Amino acid sequence: MSDKPSGNNRERDFSHPLTGSSSGSTSREPVWKKNKSTLWHYSPKQRKYRTPLFLIYSLLNKPAILDLSPEMSMINAFTREGYDVYLLDFGALGYEDKDLTLDDYIKKHIQKGVRRALLHSKADEISVLGYCLGGTLAAIYAAVAEEPVKNLVLFAPPIDFKESIKWKKWDRALKNNTLPVDELIDALEFIPASGVKSFIKTLTLPMTVTSYLSLLKRAGDENYMKKWSSINNWANDHVPFSGAALKKIIGDLYINNKLMNDQLMIDNETVKLSNIKSSLLIVSALDDELVPPAMSKPIMDKTGSEDKLFKTVRGGHVTIAVKGKLPDFLIDWLHDRSSPI
């Protein structure tokens, strides 16, 4: 369980046993480990910025979606722009991790990972980027961070669960206790990958059907079929979930919306979004049915950031991750705030 740096072996795929994932394209090296988590470093061919990027992805899926192939890689796009990129990969948990809490993720994995990235990069400040639930984790961390977080960029982050329009049936069942989720989690203690997959499929069933209908319409497009297959394989490759963390995420974030209400506690500290002073960029997709813009935008009125921007793009939940290139506004925004060399 101890923190320790890893060796300098570089890899060209995500087949490392630490991640258990099966795809990826950008050369990287592990620079730190804690339990199942690994901090990966992706070096640019030419470093153009002093401020590195620290990426956090969701706890529900593997982060391979950020680097599926050279043509479908957000990470590759960032390194092409000249950024040092660090990715915190939480790995695949085992039953022995059933007591891993949300507090542990924030304080023992993300915070320590940021410190190691700062040490490894020899940087004075860092940009923290979070995608999906990773954006929620990034926002929580930024609100309690002691480290110099210069920029906070959140892609499709579920923040205000009051606005979970697509999940109203779940919302009613959980809040009326007709779905006794706490008792279920206590009985299971640990949710295997198959259980996470079943839950996500149930939650996103209409969207899943729509994606298959879209596939049928473009069955003759070989390039589209290849991309769809890569994304579909990733979408069906879930990771196990700690019961302790899931219980707090459902109870505190989903049901009681404590992050938005300044009631969330992490390691005995109240998480106040107003403590976030970093430059802030929120990016939402207009066709995102999983995390619509209404779930993300309310954070704009809660943070203490003087420099903040909310942007929308066309596409769905993973569009930005798999486009293979960055939106012009994101390139310009980060350039101006990342201490160009």
C-alpha atoms as a PDB file:
ATOM      1  CA  MET A   1       0.000   0.000   0.000  1.00  0.00           C
ATOM      2  CA  SER A   2       2.998   2.303   0.214  1.00  0.00           C
ATOM      3  CA  ASP A   3       3.691   5.114  -2.201  1.00  0.00           C
ATOM      4  CA  LYS A   4       6.617   4.401  -4.454  1.00  0.00           C
ATOM      5  CA  PRO A   5       8.016   5.617  -7.753  1.00  0.00           C
ATOM      6  CA  SER A   6       8.032   3.200 -10.651  1.00  0.00           C
ATOM      7  CA  GLY A   7      10.781   2.509 -13.129  1.00  0.00           C
ATOM      8  CA  ASN A   8      11.528   4.314 -16.369  1.00  0.00           C
ATOM      9  CA  ASN A   9      10.140   1.686 -18.755  1.00  0.00           C
ATOM     10  CA  ARG A  10       8.225   3.291 -21.561  1.00  0.00           C
ATOM     11  CA  GLU A  11       5.167   1.653 -23.119  1.00  0.00           C
ATOM     12  CA  ARG A  12       3.201   2.039 -26.298  1.00  0.00           C
ATOM     13  CA  ASP A  13      -0.116   0.501 -25.201  1.00  0.00           C
ATOM     14  CA  PHE A  14      -2.496   0.053 -22.282  1.00  0.00           C
ATOM     15  CA  SER A  15      -1.819  -3.662 -21.880  1.00  0.00           C
ATOM     16  CA  HIS A  16       0.243  -3.182 -18.705  1.00  0.00           C
ATOM     17  CA  PRO A  17      -1.074  -5.443 -15.907  1.00  0.00           C
ATOM     18  CA  LEU A  18      -1.520  -2.416 -13.677  1.00  0.00           C
ATOM     19  CA  THR A  19      -4.323  -1.115 -15.864  1.00  0.00           C
ATOM     20  CA  GLY A  20      -5.675  -4.273 -17.442  1.00  0.00           C
ATOM     21  CA  SER A  21      -6.845  -2.261 -20.423  1.00  0.00           C
ATOM     22  CA  SER A  22      -6.358  -3.362 -23.996  1.00  0.00           C
ATOM     23  CA  SER A  23      -5.803  -0.296 -26.128  1.00  0.00           C
ATOM     24  CA  GLY A  24      -3.821   2.903 -26.363  1.00  0.00           C
ATOM     25  CA  SER A  25      -1.238   4.465 -28.596  1.00  0.00           C
ATOM     26  CA  THR A  26       0.855   7.197 -27.001  1.00  0.00           C
ATOM     27  CA  SER A  27       4.259   6.408 -25.522  1.00  0.00           C
ATOM     28  CA  ARG A  28       4.318   6.780 -21.732  1.00  0.00           C
ATOM     29  CA  GLU A  29       6.165   5.833 -18.554  1.00  0.00           C
ATOM     30  CA  PRO A  30       4.932   5.080 -15.014  1.00  0.00           C
ATOM     31  CA  VAL A  31       6.320   7.550 -12.484  1.00  0.00           C
ATOM     32  CA  TRP A  32       4.395   6.687  -9.300  1.00  0.00           C
ATOM     33  CA  LYS A  33       2.207   3.974  -7.809  1.00  0.00           C
ATOM     34  CA  LYS A  34      -0.200   3.699  -4.912  1.00  0.00           C
ATOM     35  CA  ASN A  35      -2.078   0.450  -4.461  1.00  0.00           C
ATOM     36  CA  LYS A  36      -3.797  -0.120  -7.865  1.00  0.00           C
ATOM     37  CA  SER A  37      -3.331   3.483  -9.031  1.00  0.00           C
ATOM     38  CA  THR A  38      -0.569   4.395 -11.462  1.00  0.00           C
ATOM     39  CA  LEU A  39       0.561   7.868 -12.508  1.00  0.00           C
ATOM     40  CA  TRP A  40       1.562   7.811 -16.185  1.00  0.00           C
ATOM     41  CA  HIS A  41       3.697  10.465 -17.832  1.00  0.00           C
ATOM     42  CA  TYR A  42       3.381  11.308 -21.539  1.00  0.00           C
ATOM     43  CA  SER A  43       6.246  13.454 -22.838  1.00  0.00           C
ATOM     44  CA  PRO A  44       5.803  15.818 -25.792  1.00  0.00           C
ATOM     45  CA  LYS A  45       8.362  15.706 -28.586  1.00  0.00           C
ATOM     46  CA  GLN A  46       8.988  19.372 -27.876  1.00  0.00           C
ATOM     47  CA  ARG A  47       7.967  20.809 -24.520  1.00  0.00           C
ATOM     48  CA  LYS A  48       6.397  24.226 -25.069  1.00  0.00           C
ATOM     49  CA  TYR A  49       4.791  24.953 -21.690  1.00  0.00           C
ATOM     50  CA  ARG A  50       6.038  25.075 -18.111  1.00  0.00           C
ATOM     51  CA  THR A  51       2.651  24.119 -16.665  1.00  0.00           C
ATOM     52  CA  PRO A  52       1.941  20.376 -16.991  1.00  0.00           C
ATOM     53  CA  LEU A  53      -1.499  18.786 -17.300  1.00  0.00           C
ATOM     54  CA  PHE A  54      -2.854  16.304 -14.749  1.00  0.00           C
ATOM     55  CA  LEU A  55      -5.735  14.166 -16.095  1.00  0.00           C
ATOM     56  CA  ILE A  56      -8.384  12.433 -13.977  1.00  0.00           C
ATOM     57  CA  TYR A  57     -10.925  10.106 -15.546  1.00  0.00           C
ATOM     58  CA  SER A  58     -14.047   8.397 -14.206  1.00  0.00           C
ATOM     59  CA  LEU A  59     -14.084   5.555 -11.672  1.00  0.00           C
ATOM     60  CA  LEU A  60     -16.579   3.610 -13.799  1.00  0.00           C
ATOM     61  CA  ASN A  61     -14.512   2.994 -16.940  1.00  0.00           C
ATOM     62  CA  LYS A  62     -10.889   2.599 -17.893  1.00  0.00           C
ATOM     63  CA  PRO A  63      -9.135   5.788 -19.051  1.00  0.00           C
ATOM     64  CA  ALA A  64      -8.252   4.150 -22.392  1.00  0.00           C
ATOM     65  CA  ILE A  65     -10.940   6.332 -24.017  1.00  0.00           C
ATOM     66  CA  LEU A  66      -8.483   9.224 -23.729  1.00  0.00           C
ATOM     67  CA  ASP A  67      -5.959   7.398 -25.930  1.00  0.00           C
ATOM     68  CA  LEU A  68      -7.760   4.846 -28.108  1.00  0.00           C
ATOM     69  CA  SER A  69      -5.605   5.328 -31.191  1.00  0.00           C
ATOM     70  CA  PRO A  70      -3.419   8.050 -32.734  1.00  0.00           C
ATOM     71  CA  GLU A  71      -6.481   9.333 -34.597  1.00  0.00           C
ATOM     72  CA  MET A  72      -8.735   9.182 -31.514  1.00  0.00           C
ATOM     73  CA  SER A  73      -6.569  10.443 -28.671  1.00  0.00           C
ATOM     74  CA  MET A  74      -7.029  13.466 -26.431  1.00  0.00           C
ATOM     75  CA  ILE A  75      -3.705  12.693 -24.751  1.00  0.00           C
ATOM     76  CA  ASN A  76      -1.881  12.601 -28.080  1.00  0.00           C
ATOM     77  CA  ALA A  77      -3.493  15.908 -29.024  1.00  0.00           C
ATOM     78  CA  PHE A  78      -2.186  17.532 -25.838  1.00  0.00           C
ATOM     79  CA  THR A  79       1.355  16.213 -26.329  1.00  0.00           C
ATOM     80  CA  ARG A  80       1.332  17.449 -29.937  1.00  0.00           C
ATOM     81  CA  GLU A  81       0.604  20.902 -28.564  1.00  0.00           C
ATOM     82  CA  GLY A  82       3.717  20.612 -26.401  1.00  0.00           C
ATOM     83  CA  TYR A  83       2.303  19.753 -22.969  1.00  0.00           C
ATOM     84  CA  ASP A  84       3.727  17.397 -20.392  1.00  0.00           C
ATOM     85  CA  VAL A  85       0.742  15.165 -19.607  1.00  0.00           C
ATOM     86  CA  TYR A  86       0.170  13.098 -16.478  1.00  0.00           C
ATOM     87  CA  LEU A  87      -2.714  10.622 -16.245  1.00  0.00           C
ATOM     88  CA  LEU A  88      -3.827   9.167 -12.928  1.00  0.00           C
ATOM     89  CA  ASP A  89      -5.073   5.671 -13.739  1.00  0.00           C
ATOM     90  CA  PHE A  90      -6.992   4.189 -10.795  1.00  0.00           C
ATOM     91  CA  GLY A  91      -6.550   0.674 -12.176  1.00  0.00           C
ATOM     92  CA  ALA A  92      -8.794  -2.318 -11.536  1.00  0.00           C
ATOM     93  CA  LEU A  93      -9.691  -2.829  -7.880  1.00  0.00           C
ATOM     94  CA  GLY A  94      -9.923  -6.175  -6.139  1.00  0.00           C
ATOM     95  CA  TYR A  95     -12.149  -7.315  -3.284  1.00  0.00           C
ATOM     96  CA  GLU A  96      -9.399  -6.273  -0.872  1.00  0.00           C
ATOM     97  CA  ASP A  97     -10.159  -2.650  -1.903  1.00  0.00           C
ATOM     98  CA  LYS A  98     -13.813  -2.767  -0.800  1.00  0.00           C
ATOM     99  CA  ASP A  99     -13.174  -0.192   1.954  1.00  0.00           C
ATOM    100  CA  LEU A 100     -11.517   2.354  -0.347  1.00  0.00           C
ATOM    101  CA  THR A 101     -13.442   5.589   0.230  1.00  0.00           C
ATOM    102  CA  LEU A 102     -14.087   8.738  -1.737  1.00  0.00           C
ATOM    103  CA  ASP A 103     -11.890  10.488   0.831  1.00  0.00           C
ATOM    104  CA  ASP A 104      -9.062   8.074  -0.047  1.00  0.00           C
ATOM    105  CA  TYR A 105      -9.407   8.835  -3.749  1.00  0.00           C
ATOM    106  CA  ILE A 106      -9.182  12.577  -3.138  1.00  0.00           C
ATOM    107  CA  LYS A 107      -6.514  12.778  -0.436  1.00  0.00           C
ATOM    108  CA  LYS A 108      -4.393   9.648  -0.901  1.00  0.00           C
ATOM    109  CA  HIS A 109      -4.521   9.187  -4.668  1.00  0.00           C
ATOM    110  CA  ILE A 110      -5.326  12.465  -6.440  1.00  0.00           C
ATOM    111  CA  GLN A 111      -3.605  14.845  -4.036  1.00  0.00           C
ATOM    112  CA  LYS A 112      -0.496  12.685  -3.716  1.00  0.00           C
ATOM    113  CA  GLY A 113      -0.512  12.093  -7.467  1.00  0.00           C
ATOM    114  CA  VAL A 114      -0.537  15.849  -8.109  1.00  0.00           C
ATOM    115  CA  ARG A 115       2.374  16.290  -5.704  1.00  0.00           C
ATOM    116  CA  ARG A 116       4.351  13.604  -7.507  1.00  0.00           C
ATOM    117  CA  ALA A 117       3.594  15.171 -10.918  1.00  0.00           C
ATOM    118  CA  LEU A 118       4.806  18.547  -9.648  1.00  0.00           C
ATOM    119  CA  LEU A 119       7.984  16.934  -8.320  1.00  0.00           C
ATOM    120  CA  HIS A 120       8.583  14.926 -11.489  1.00  0.00           C
ATOM    121  CA  SER A 121       7.966  17.881 -13.830  1.00  0.00           C
ATOM    122  CA  LYS A 122       9.837  20.371 -11.617  1.00  0.00           C
ATOM    123  CA  ALA A 123       6.913  22.740 -12.235  1.00  0.00           C
ATOM    124  CA  ASP A 124       5.740  25.492  -9.910  1.00  0.00           C
ATOM    125  CA  GLU A 125       2.057  25.094 -10.865  1.00  0.00           C
ATOM    126  CA  ILE A 126      -0.177  22.530 -12.519  1.00  0.00           C
ATOM    127  CA  SER A 127      -3.391  22.319 -14.550  1.00  0.00           C
ATOM    128  CA  VAL A 128      -5.915  19.716 -13.383  1.00  0.00           C
ATOM    129  CA  LEU A 129      -8.249  18.287 -16.032  1.00  0.00           C
ATOM    130  CA  GLY A 130     -11.184  16.025 -15.199  1.00  0.00           C
ATOM    131  CA  TYR A 131     -13.521  14.107 -17.523  1.00  0.00           C
ATOM    132  CA  CYS A 132     -17.013  12.859 -16.550  1.00  0.00           C
ATOM    133  CA  LEU A 133     -16.980  11.627 -12.930  1.00  0.00           C
ATOM    134  CA  GLY A 134     -13.275  12.442 -13.033  1.00  0.00           C
ATOM    135  CA  GLY A 135     -14.402  16.062 -13.412  1.00  0.00           C
ATOM    136  CA  THR A 136     -16.442  15.745 -10.223  1.00  0.00           C
ATOM    137  CA  LEU A 137     -13.402  14.334  -8.430  1.00  0.00           C
ATOM    138  CA  ALA A 138     -11.221  17.105  -9.872  1.00  0.00           C
ATOM    139  CA  ALA A 139     -13.627  19.780  -8.608  1.00  0.00           C
ATOM    140  CA  ILE A 140     -13.717  18.228  -5.128  1.00  0.00           C
ATOM    141  CA  TYR A 141      -9.931  18.019  -5.059  1.00  0.00           C
ATOM    142  CA  ALA A 142      -9.482  21.599  -6.288  1.00  0.00           C
ATOM    143  CA  ALA A 143     -11.742  22.827  -3.473  1.00  0.00           C
ATOM    144  CA  VAL A 144      -9.502  21.266  -0.803  1.00  0.00           C
ATOM    145  CA  ALA A 145      -6.140  21.404  -2.614  1.00  0.00           C
ATOM    146  CA  GLU A 146      -3.049  22.701  -0.878  1.00  0.00           C
ATOM    147  CA  GLU A 147      -1.062  22.398  -4.104  1.00  0.00           C
ATOM    148  CA  PRO A 148      -0.673  25.232  -6.675  1.00  0.00           C
ATOM    149  CA  VAL A 149      -3.505  24.385  -9.092  1.00  0.00           C
ATOM    150  CA  LYS A 150      -3.271  27.108 -11.724  1.00  0.00           C
ATOM    151  CA  ASN A 151      -6.040  25.923 -14.057  1.00  0.00           C
ATOM    152  CA  LEU A 152      -9.044  23.641 -13.663  1.00  0.00           C
ATOM    153  CA  VAL A 153     -10.607  22.226 -16.838  1.00  0.00           C
ATOM    154  CA  LEU A 154     -13.682  19.997 -16.524  1.00  0.00           C
ATOM    155  CA  PHE A 155     -15.166  18.045 -19.428  1.00  0.00           C
ATOM    156  CA  ALA A 156     -18.823  16.994 -19.000  1.00  0.00           C
ATOM    157  CA  PRO A 157     -18.617  16.933 -15.194  1.00  0.00           C
ATOM    158  CA  PRO A 158     -21.715  15.853 -13.234  1.00  0.00           C
ATOM    159  CA  ILE A 159     -21.829  18.519 -10.510  1.00  0.00           C
ATOM    160  CA  ASP A 160     -25.449  19.463  -9.853  1.00  0.00           C
ATOM    161  CA  PHE A 161     -27.380  16.190  -9.559  1.00  0.00           C
ATOM    162  CA  LYS A 162     -30.621  18.094  -9.103  1.00  0.00           C
ATOM    163  CA  GLU A 163     -30.417  18.561 -12.861  1.00  0.00           C
ATOM    164  CA  SER A 164     -30.102  14.845 -13.726  1.00  0.00           C
ATOM    165  CA  ILE A 165     -33.093  15.060 -16.067  1.00  0.00           C
ATOM    166  CA  LYS A 166     -32.467  11.706 -17.761  1.00  0.00           C
ATOM    167  CA  TRP A 167     -32.271   9.886 -14.437  1.00  0.00           C
ATOM    168  CA  LYS A 168     -35.568  10.955 -12.838  1.00  0.00           C
ATOM    169  CA  LYS A 169     -36.846   7.398 -12.295  1.00  0.00           C
ATOM    170  CA  TRP A 170     -33.633   6.480 -10.512  1.00  0.00           C
ATOM    171  CA  ASP A 171     -33.835   9.740  -8.609  1.00  0.00           C
ATOM    172  CA  ARG A 172     -37.335   9.025  -7.303  1.00  0.00           C
ATOM    173  CA  ALA A 173     -36.538   5.410  -6.422  1.00  0.00           C
ATOM    174  CA  LEU A 174     -33.425   6.370  -4.469  1.00  0.00           C
ATOM    175  CA  LYS A 175     -34.917   9.342  -2.642  1.00  0.00           C
ATOM    176  CA  ASN A 176     -38.103   7.453  -1.768  1.00  0.00           C
ATOM    177  CA  ASN A 177     -36.000   4.503  -0.601  1.00  0.00           C
ATOM    178  CA  THR A 178     -37.924   2.161  -2.883  1.00  0.00           C
ATOM    179  CA  LEU A 179     -34.485   1.153  -4.130  1.00  0.00           C
ATOM    180  CA  PRO A 180     -32.592   0.302  -0.888  1.00  0.00           C
ATOM    181  CA  VAL A 181     -29.159   0.946  -2.351  1.00  0.00           C
ATOM    182  CA  ASP A 182     -27.322   1.240   0.977  1.00  0.00           C
ATOM    183  CA  GLU A 183     -28.492  -2.191   2.085  1.00  0.00           C
ATOM    184  CA  LEU A 184     -27.556  -3.644  -1.294  1.00  0.00           C
ATOM    185  CA  ILE A 185     -24.058  -2.142  -1.197  1.00  0.00           C
ATOM    186  CA  ASP A 186     -23.550  -3.264   2.412  1.00  0.00           C
ATOM    187  CA  ALA A 187     -24.486  -6.801   1.399  1.00  0.00           C
ATOM    188  CA  LEU A 188     -22.213  -6.824  -1.659  1.00  0.00           C
ATOM    189  CA  GLU A 189     -19.328  -4.769  -0.141  1.00  0.00           C
ATOM    190  CA  PHE A 190     -17.634  -4.754  -3.551  1.00  0.00           C
ATOM    191  CA  ILE A 191     -19.203  -4.310  -6.982  1.00  0.00           C
ATOM    192  CA  PRO A 192     -17.494  -6.413  -9.688  1.00  0.00           C
ATOM    193  CA  ALA A 193     -17.029  -5.142 -13.228  1.00  0.00           C
ATOM    194  CA  SER A 194     -20.047  -7.147 -14.398  1.00  0.00           C
ATOM    195  CA  GLY A 195     -22.233  -5.405 -11.808  1.00  0.00           C
ATOM    196  CA  VAL A 196     -20.983  -1.967 -12.841  1.00  0.00           C
ATOM    197  CA  LYS A 197     -21.665  -2.855 -16.487  1.00  0.00           C
ATOM    198  CA  SER A 198     -25.235  -3.958 -15.714  1.00  0.00           C
ATOM    199  CA  PHE A 199     -25.916  -0.762 -13.776  1.00  0.00           C
ATOM    200  CA  ILE A 200     -24.562   1.479 -16.548  1.00  0.00           C
ATOM    201  CA  LYS A 201     -26.461  -0.404 -19.247  1.00  0.00           C
ATOM    202  CA  THR A 202     -29.707  -0.041 -17.307  1.00  0.00           C
ATOM    203  CA  LEU A 203     -29.070   3.640 -16.749  1.00  0.00           C
ATOM    204  CA  THR A 204     -28.183   4.355 -20.374  1.00  0.00           C
ATOM    205  CA  LEU A 205     -30.485   1.922 -22.205  1.00  0.00           C
ATOM    206  CA  PRO A 206     -32.159   4.487 -24.526  1.00  0.00           C
ATOM    207  CA  MET A 207     -28.743   5.901 -25.457  1.00  0.00           C
ATOM    208  CA  THR A 208     -27.389   2.384 -26.103  1.00  0.00           C
ATOM    209  CA  VAL A 209     -30.241   1.613 -28.495  1.00  0.00           C
ATOM    210  CA  THR A 210     -29.693   4.928 -30.293  1.00  0.00           C
ATOM    211  CA  SER A 211     -25.995   4.147 -30.806  1.00  0.00           C
ATOM    212  CA  TYR A 212     -26.856   0.806 -32.457  1.00  0.00           C
ATOM    213  CA  LEU A 213     -29.415   2.473 -34.705  1.00  0.00           C
ATOM    214  CA  SER A 214     -26.731   4.960 -35.716  1.00  0.00           C
ATOM    215  CA  LEU A 215     -24.421   2.044 -36.502  1.00  0.00           C
ATOM    216  CA  LEU A 216     -27.014   0.455 -38.770  1.00  0.00           C
ATOM    217  CA  LYS A 217     -27.445   3.692 -40.703  1.00  0.00           C
ATOM    218  CA  ARG A 218     -23.699   3.899 -41.429  1.00  0.00           C
ATOM    219  CA  ALA A 219     -22.912   0.200 -41.793  1.00  0.00           C
ATOM    220  CA  GLY A 220     -21.226   0.839 -45.147  1.00  0.00           C
ATOM    221  CA  ASP A 221     -18.766   3.385 -43.741  1.00  0.00           C
ATOM    222  CA  GLU A 222     -15.662   1.346 -42.892  1.00  0.00           C
ATOM    223  CA  ASN A 223     -13.920   4.187 -41.044  1.00  0.00           C
ATOM    224  CA  TYR A 224     -17.011   4.893 -38.938  1.00  0.00           C
ATOM    225  CA  MET A 225     -17.439   1.173 -38.198  1.00  0.00           C
ATOM    226  CA  LYS A 226     -13.837   0.945 -36.976  1.00  0.00           C
ATOM    227  CA  LYS A 227     -14.205   3.951 -34.677  1.00  0.00           C
ATOM    228  CA  TRP A 228     -17.574   2.761 -33.389  1.00  0.00           C
ATOM    229  CA  SER A 229     -16.132  -0.664 -32.618  1.00  0.00           C
ATOM    230  CA  SER A 230     -13.220   0.837 -30.647  1.00  0.00           C
ATOM    231  CA  ILE A 231     -15.540   3.016 -28.574  1.00  0.00           C
ATOM    232  CA  ASN A 232     -18.040   0.206 -28.069  1.00  0.00           C
ATOM    233  CA  ASN A 233     -15.325  -2.166 -26.853  1.00  0.00           C
ATOM    234  CA  TRP A 234     -14.178   0.448 -24.353  1.00  0.00           C
ATOM    235  CA  ALA A 235     -17.754   1.203 -23.245  1.00  0.00           C
ATOM    236  CA  ASN A 236     -18.295  -2.473 -22.389  1.00  0.00           C
ATOM    237  CA  ASP A 237     -15.020  -2.797 -20.496  1.00  0.00           C
ATOM    238  CA  HIS A 238     -15.859  -1.570 -16.999  1.00  0.00           C
ATOM    239  CA  VAL A 239     -13.850  -1.767 -13.793  1.00  0.00           C
ATOM    240  CA  PRO A 240     -14.889  -2.955 -10.321  1.00  0.00           C
ATOM    241  CA  PHE A 241     -16.067  -0.401  -7.751  1.00  0.00           C
ATOM    242  CA  SER A 242     -15.386  -0.066  -4.061  1.00  0.00           C
ATOM    243  CA  GLY A 243     -18.588  -0.373  -2.041  1.00  0.00           C
ATOM    244  CA  ALA A 244     -17.480   2.325   0.405  1.00  0.00           C
ATOM    245  CA  ALA A 245     -16.823   4.853  -2.381  1.00  0.00           C
ATOM    246  CA  LEU A 246     -20.018   4.014  -4.272  1.00  0.00           C
ATOM    247  CA  LYS A 247     -22.102   4.425  -1.132  1.00  0.00           C
ATOM    248  CA  LYS A 248     -20.827   7.969  -0.586  1.00  0.00           C
ATOM    249  CA  ILE A 249     -21.099   8.922  -4.254  1.00  0.00           C
ATOM    250  CA  ILE A 250     -24.735   7.801  -4.424  1.00  0.00           C
ATOM    251  CA  GLY A 251     -25.736   9.098  -1.004  1.00  0.00           C
ATOM    252  CA  ASP A 252     -23.811  12.353  -0.749  1.00  0.00           C
ATOM    253  CA  LEU A 253     -23.502  13.418  -4.383  1.00  0.00           C
ATOM    254  CA  TYR A 254     -26.454  11.861  -6.200  1.00  0.00           C
ATOM    255  CA  ILE A 255     -29.234  11.801  -3.615  1.00  0.00           C
ATOM    256  CA  ASN A 256     -28.354  14.726  -1.346  1.00  0.00           C
ATOM    257  CA  ASN A 257     -26.413  16.902  -3.825  1.00  0.00           C
ATOM    258  CA  LYS A 258     -23.964  17.796  -1.049  1.00  0.00           C
ATOM    259  CA  LEU A 259     -21.219  19.103  -3.345  1.00  0.00           C
ATOM    260  CA  MET A 260     -23.479  21.845  -4.687  1.00  0.00           C
ATOM    261  CA  ASN A 261     -24.858  22.571  -1.206  1.00  0.00           C
ATOM    262  CA  ASP A 262     -21.448  22.942   0.500  1.00  0.00           C
ATOM    263  CA  GLN A 263     -22.208  19.946   2.719  1.00  0.00           C
ATOM    264  CA  LEU A 264     -19.809  17.331   1.379  1.00  0.00           C
ATOM    265  CA  MET A 265     -17.147  16.245   3.866  1.00  0.00           C
ATOM    266  CA  ILE A 266     -13.763  14.933   2.751  1.00  0.00           C
ATOM    267  CA  ASP A 267     -11.331  13.833   5.446  1.00  0.00           C
ATOM    268  CA  ASN A 268     -13.284  15.870   8.044  1.00  0.00           C
ATOM    269  CA  GLU A 269     -13.088  19.012   5.880  1.00  0.00           C
ATOM    270  CA  THR A 270     -16.131  20.700   4.357  1.00  0.00           C
ATOM    271  CA  VAL A 271     -15.798  20.948   0.585  1.00  0.00           C
ATOM    272  CA  LYS A 272     -16.715  24.464  -0.516  1.00  0.00           C
ATOM    273  CA  LEU A 273     -16.627  25.142  -4.241  1.00  0.00           C
ATOM    274  CA  SER A 274     -16.052  28.809  -3.414  1.00  0.00           C
ATOM    275  CA  ASN A 275     -12.530  27.776  -2.335  1.00  0.00           C
ATOM    276  CA  ILE A 276     -11.662  27.111  -5.989  1.00  0.00           C
ATOM    277  CA  LYS A 277      -9.672  30.133  -7.168  1.00  0.00           C
ATOM    278  CA  SER A 278      -8.028  28.578 -10.238  1.00  0.00           C
ATOM    279  CA  SER A 279      -8.794  29.730 -13.736  1.00  0.00           C
ATOM    280  CA  LEU A 280     -11.787  27.592 -14.661  1.00  0.00           C
ATOM    281  CA  LEU A 281     -13.003  26.171 -17.975  1.00  0.00           C
ATOM    282  CA  ILE A 282     -16.082  23.947 -18.226  1.00  0.00           C
ATOM    283  CA  VAL A 283     -16.743  22.136 -21.514  1.00  0.00           C
ATOM    284  CA  SER A 284     -20.121  20.470 -22.104  1.00  0.00           C
ATOM    285  CA  ALA A 285     -21.487  18.645 -25.141  1.00  0.00           C
ATOM    286  CA  LEU A 286     -24.892  19.778 -26.384  1.00  0.00           C
ATOM    287  CA  ASP A 287     -25.946  16.233 -27.318  1.00  0.00           C
ATOM    288  CA  ASP A 288     -24.673  14.629 -24.123  1.00  0.00           C
ATOM    289  CA  GLU A 289     -27.585  12.611 -22.740  1.00  0.00           C
ATOM    290  CA  LEU A 290     -25.594  11.168 -19.850  1.00  0.00           C
ATOM    291  CA  VAL A 291     -24.341  14.470 -18.404  1.00  0.00           C
ATOM    292  CA  PRO A 292     -26.281  17.320 -20.039  1.00  0.00           C
ATOM    293  CA  PRO A 293     -24.908  20.867 -19.760  1.00  0.00           C
ATOM    294  CA  ALA A 294     -27.456  21.644 -17.035  1.00  0.00           C
ATOM    295  CA  MET A 295     -25.612  19.258 -14.704  1.00  0.00           C
ATOM    296  CA  SER A 296     -22.307  21.067 -15.227  1.00  0.00           C
ATOM    297  CA  LYS A 297     -23.038  24.768 -15.646  1.00  0.00           C
ATOM    298  CA  PRO A 298     -24.223  25.514 -12.066  1.00  0.00           C
ATOM    299  CA  ILE A 299     -20.639  25.244 -10.788  1.00  0.00           C
ATOM    300  CA  MET A 300     -19.910  28.523 -12.565  1.00  0.00           C
ATOM    301  CA  ASP A 301     -21.855  30.422  -9.914  1.00  0.00           C
ATOM    302  CA  LYS A 302     -20.313  28.515  -7.013  1.00  0.00           C
ATOM    303  CA  THR A 303     -16.545  28.826  -7.464  1.00  0.00           C
ATOM    304  CA  GLY A 304     -14.399  31.723  -6.326  1.00  0.00           C
ATOM    305  CA  SER A 305     -12.586  31.849  -9.682  1.00  0.00           C
ATOM    306  CA  GLU A 306     -12.366  35.314 -11.207  1.00  0.00           C
ATOM    307  CA  ASP A 307     -11.283  33.884 -14.554  1.00  0.00           C
ATOM    308  CA  LYS A 308     -13.910  31.360 -15.706  1.00  0.00           C
ATOM    309  CA  LEU A 309     -15.536  30.278 -18.942  1.00  0.00           C
ATOM    310  CA  PHE A 310     -18.329  27.855 -19.865  1.00  0.00           C
ATOM    311  CA  LYS A 311     -18.280  26.456 -23.402  1.00  0.00           C
ATOM    312  CA  THR A 312     -20.484  24.016 -25.293  1.00  0.00           C
ATOM    313  CA  VAL A 313     -19.563  21.870 -28.276  1.00  0.00           C
ATOM    314  CA  ARG A 314     -21.553  19.680 -30.633  1.00  0.00           C
ATOM    315  CA  GLY A 315     -21.466  15.972 -29.931  1.00  0.00           C
ATOM    316  CA  GLY A 316     -22.048  13.397 -27.220  1.00  0.00           C
ATOM    317  CA  HIS A 317     -20.452  12.411 -23.953  1.00  0.00           C
ATOM    318  CA  VAL A 318     -17.131  11.100 -25.310  1.00  0.00           C
ATOM    319  CA  THR A 319     -16.874  13.212 -28.472  1.00  0.00           C
ATOM    320  CA  ILE A 320     -14.093  15.472 -27.162  1.00  0.00           C
ATOM    321  CA  ALA A 321     -12.093  12.474 -25.951  1.00  0.00           C
ATOM    322  CA  VAL A 322     -12.096  10.678 -29.304  1.00  0.00           C
ATOM    323  CA  LYS A 323     -11.922  13.505 -31.846  1.00  0.00           C
ATOM    324  CA  GLY A 324      -8.140  13.339 -32.053  1.00  0.00           C
ATOM    325  CA  LYS A 325      -7.845  17.107 -31.989  1.00  0.00           C
ATOM    326  CA  LEU A 326      -8.597  19.854 -29.508  1.00  0.00           C
ATOM    327  CA  PRO A 327     -11.167  22.617 -30.028  1.00  0.00           C
ATOM    328  CA  ASP A 328      -9.533  25.909 -30.993  1.00  0.00           C
ATOM    329  CA  PHE A 329     -10.949  27.675 -27.939  1.00  0.00           C
ATOM    330  CA  LEU A 330      -9.335  25.061 -25.654  1.00  0.00           C
ATOM    331  CA  ILE A 331      -5.957  25.407 -27.372  1.00  0.00           C
ATOM    332  CA  ASP A 332      -6.083  29.193 -27.008  1.00  0.00           C
ATOM    333  CA  TRP A 333      -7.384  29.128 -23.424  1.00  0.00           C
ATOM    334  CA  LEU A 334      -4.699  26.761 -22.165  1.00  0.00           C
ATOM    335  CA  HIS A 335      -1.935  28.478 -24.152  1.00  0.00           C
ATOM    336  CA  ASP A 336      -2.586  31.784 -22.436  1.00  0.00           C
ATOM    337  CA  ARG A 337      -2.615  30.173 -18.962  1.00  0.00           C
ATOM    338  CA  SER A 338       0.174  27.565 -19.137  1.00  0.00           C
ATOM    339  CA  SER A 339       3.352  29.673 -19.050  1.00  0.00           C
ATOM    340  CA  PRO A 340       4.651  29.194 -22.615  1.00  0.00           C
ATOM    341  CA  ILE A 341       8.403  28.574 -22.807  1.00  0.00           C
END
